[in-house]
């Protein structure tokens, strides 16, 4: 089974959606800077999450993380 690794802090999660949840829970500079390298804004993602129906902030970030976060195999 493949897992996703955070490109900043190396946290491992079972789905890219869980990784997006982890990411939006982090407020440190390194996580926010990585978002900028992907042309994403932490503030915009949080705003989307809060003001739009259906987890739009998580979904937008999860889509990017699915492509960009390294996959790892776990025993």
C-alpha atoms as a PDB file:
ATOM      1  CA  UNK A   1       0.000   0.000   0.000  1.00  0.00           C
ATOM      2  CA  UNK A   2       1.349   3.427  -0.922  1.00  0.00           C
ATOM      3  CA  UNK A   3       1.441   6.301   1.519  1.00  0.00           C
ATOM      4  CA  UNK A   4       2.091   9.990   0.976  1.00  0.00           C
ATOM      5  CA  UNK A   5       4.994  11.859   2.586  1.00  0.00           C
ATOM      6  CA  UNK A   6       4.844  15.567   3.394  1.00  0.00           C
ATOM      7  CA  UNK A   7       7.440  17.301   1.200  1.00  0.00           C
ATOM      8  CA  UNK A   8       8.374  19.605   4.082  1.00  0.00           C
ATOM      9  CA  UNK A   9       8.383  17.690   7.373  1.00  0.00           C
ATOM     10  CA  UNK A  10       8.232  14.095   6.113  1.00  0.00           C
ATOM     11  CA  UNK A  11       4.992  13.214   7.946  1.00  0.00           C
ATOM     12  CA  UNK A  12       3.462  10.121   6.365  1.00  0.00           C
ATOM     13  CA  UNK A  13      -0.275   9.761   5.777  1.00  0.00           C
ATOM     14  CA  UNK A  14      -2.430   7.123   4.139  1.00  0.00           C
ATOM     15  CA  UNK A  15      -4.161   9.431   1.632  1.00  0.00           C
ATOM     16  CA  UNK A  16      -3.383  12.669  -0.143  1.00  0.00           C
ATOM     17  CA  UNK A  17      -6.526  14.149   1.421  1.00  0.00           C
ATOM     18  CA  UNK A  18      -5.171  13.405   4.932  1.00  0.00           C
ATOM     19  CA  UNK A  19      -1.899  15.011   3.894  1.00  0.00           C
ATOM     20  CA  UNK A  20      -3.797  18.143   2.824  1.00  0.00           C
ATOM     21  CA  UNK A  21      -5.473  18.182   6.240  1.00  0.00           C
ATOM     22  CA  UNK A  22      -2.055  17.918   7.906  1.00  0.00           C
ATOM     23  CA  UNK A  23      -0.722  20.688   5.695  1.00  0.00           C
ATOM     24  CA  UNK A  24      -3.490  23.163   6.449  1.00  0.00           C
ATOM     25  CA  UNK A  25      -3.017  22.464  10.153  1.00  0.00           C
ATOM     26  CA  UNK A  26       0.584  23.656   9.958  1.00  0.00           C
ATOM     27  CA  UNK A  27       1.214  27.358  10.307  1.00  0.00           C
ATOM     28  CA  UNK A  28       5.002  27.367  10.181  1.00  0.00           C
ATOM     29  CA  UNK A  29       7.004  29.246   7.570  1.00  0.00           C
ATOM     30  CA  UNK A  30       8.385  26.141   5.812  1.00  0.00           C
ATOM     31  CA  UNK A  31       4.949  24.715   4.995  1.00  0.00           C
ATOM     32  CA  UNK A  32       3.673  28.091   3.806  1.00  0.00           C
ATOM     33  CA  UNK A  33       6.757  28.637   1.639  1.00  0.00           C
ATOM     34  CA  UNK A  34       6.252  25.263  -0.052  1.00  0.00           C
ATOM     35  CA  UNK A  35       2.676  26.270  -0.878  1.00  0.00           C
ATOM     36  CA  UNK A  36       4.042  29.391  -2.580  1.00  0.00           C
ATOM     37  CA  UNK A  37       6.305  27.224  -4.761  1.00  0.00           C
ATOM     38  CA  UNK A  38       3.120  25.534  -5.978  1.00  0.00           C
ATOM     39  CA  UNK A  39       1.397  28.890  -6.650  1.00  0.00           C
ATOM     40  CA  UNK A  40      -0.936  28.338  -3.696  1.00  0.00           C
ATOM     41  CA  UNK A  41      -1.788  30.654  -0.833  1.00  0.00           C
ATOM     42  CA  UNK A  42      -2.286  29.332   2.697  1.00  0.00           C
ATOM     43  CA  UNK A  43      -4.743  32.134   3.414  1.00  0.00           C
ATOM     44  CA  UNK A  44      -6.709  31.447   0.230  1.00  0.00           C
ATOM     45  CA  UNK A  45      -6.926  27.704   0.959  1.00  0.00           C
ATOM     46  CA  UNK A  46      -8.158  28.362   4.501  1.00  0.00           C
ATOM     47  CA  UNK A  47     -10.684  30.898   3.191  1.00  0.00           C
ATOM     48  CA  UNK A  48     -11.950  28.389   0.617  1.00  0.00           C
ATOM     49  CA  UNK A  49     -12.255  25.764   3.337  1.00  0.00           C
ATOM     50  CA  UNK A  50     -14.266  28.013   5.616  1.00  0.00           C
ATOM     51  CA  UNK A  51     -16.455  29.885   3.148  1.00  0.00           C
ATOM     52  CA  UNK A  52     -17.164  27.357   0.392  1.00  0.00           C
ATOM     53  CA  UNK A  53     -19.231  24.204   0.749  1.00  0.00           C
ATOM     54  CA  UNK A  54     -17.615  20.799   0.257  1.00  0.00           C
ATOM     55  CA  UNK A  55     -14.012  21.002   1.525  1.00  0.00           C
ATOM     56  CA  UNK A  56     -12.833  23.088  -1.433  1.00  0.00           C
ATOM     57  CA  UNK A  57      -9.590  24.134   0.307  1.00  0.00           C
ATOM     58  CA  UNK A  58      -8.615  20.554   1.161  1.00  0.00           C
ATOM     59  CA  UNK A  59      -9.606  19.326  -2.282  1.00  0.00           C
ATOM     60  CA  UNK A  60      -7.510  21.954  -4.084  1.00  0.00           C
ATOM     61  CA  UNK A  61      -4.454  21.185  -1.968  1.00  0.00           C
ATOM     62  CA  UNK A  62      -4.985  17.413  -2.093  1.00  0.00           C
ATOM     63  CA  UNK A  63      -4.980  17.552  -5.891  1.00  0.00           C
ATOM     64  CA  UNK A  64      -1.539  19.224  -5.866  1.00  0.00           C
ATOM     65  CA  UNK A  65      -0.179  16.918  -3.172  1.00  0.00           C
ATOM     66  CA  UNK A  66      -1.303  13.843  -5.071  1.00  0.00           C
ATOM     67  CA  UNK A  67       1.036  14.919  -7.882  1.00  0.00           C
ATOM     68  CA  UNK A  68       3.865  16.446  -5.843  1.00  0.00           C
ATOM     69  CA  UNK A  69       4.148  14.519  -2.557  1.00  0.00           C
ATOM     70  CA  UNK A  70       6.450  11.514  -2.696  1.00  0.00           C
ATOM     71  CA  UNK A  71       4.769   8.135  -2.349  1.00  0.00           C
ATOM     72  CA  UNK A  72       6.346   5.648   0.029  1.00  0.00           C
ATOM     73  CA  UNK A  73       5.697   1.977   0.596  1.00  0.00           C
ATOM     74  CA  UNK A  74       5.049   0.794   4.117  1.00  0.00           C
ATOM     75  CA  UNK A  75       5.278  -2.815   5.252  1.00  0.00           C
END
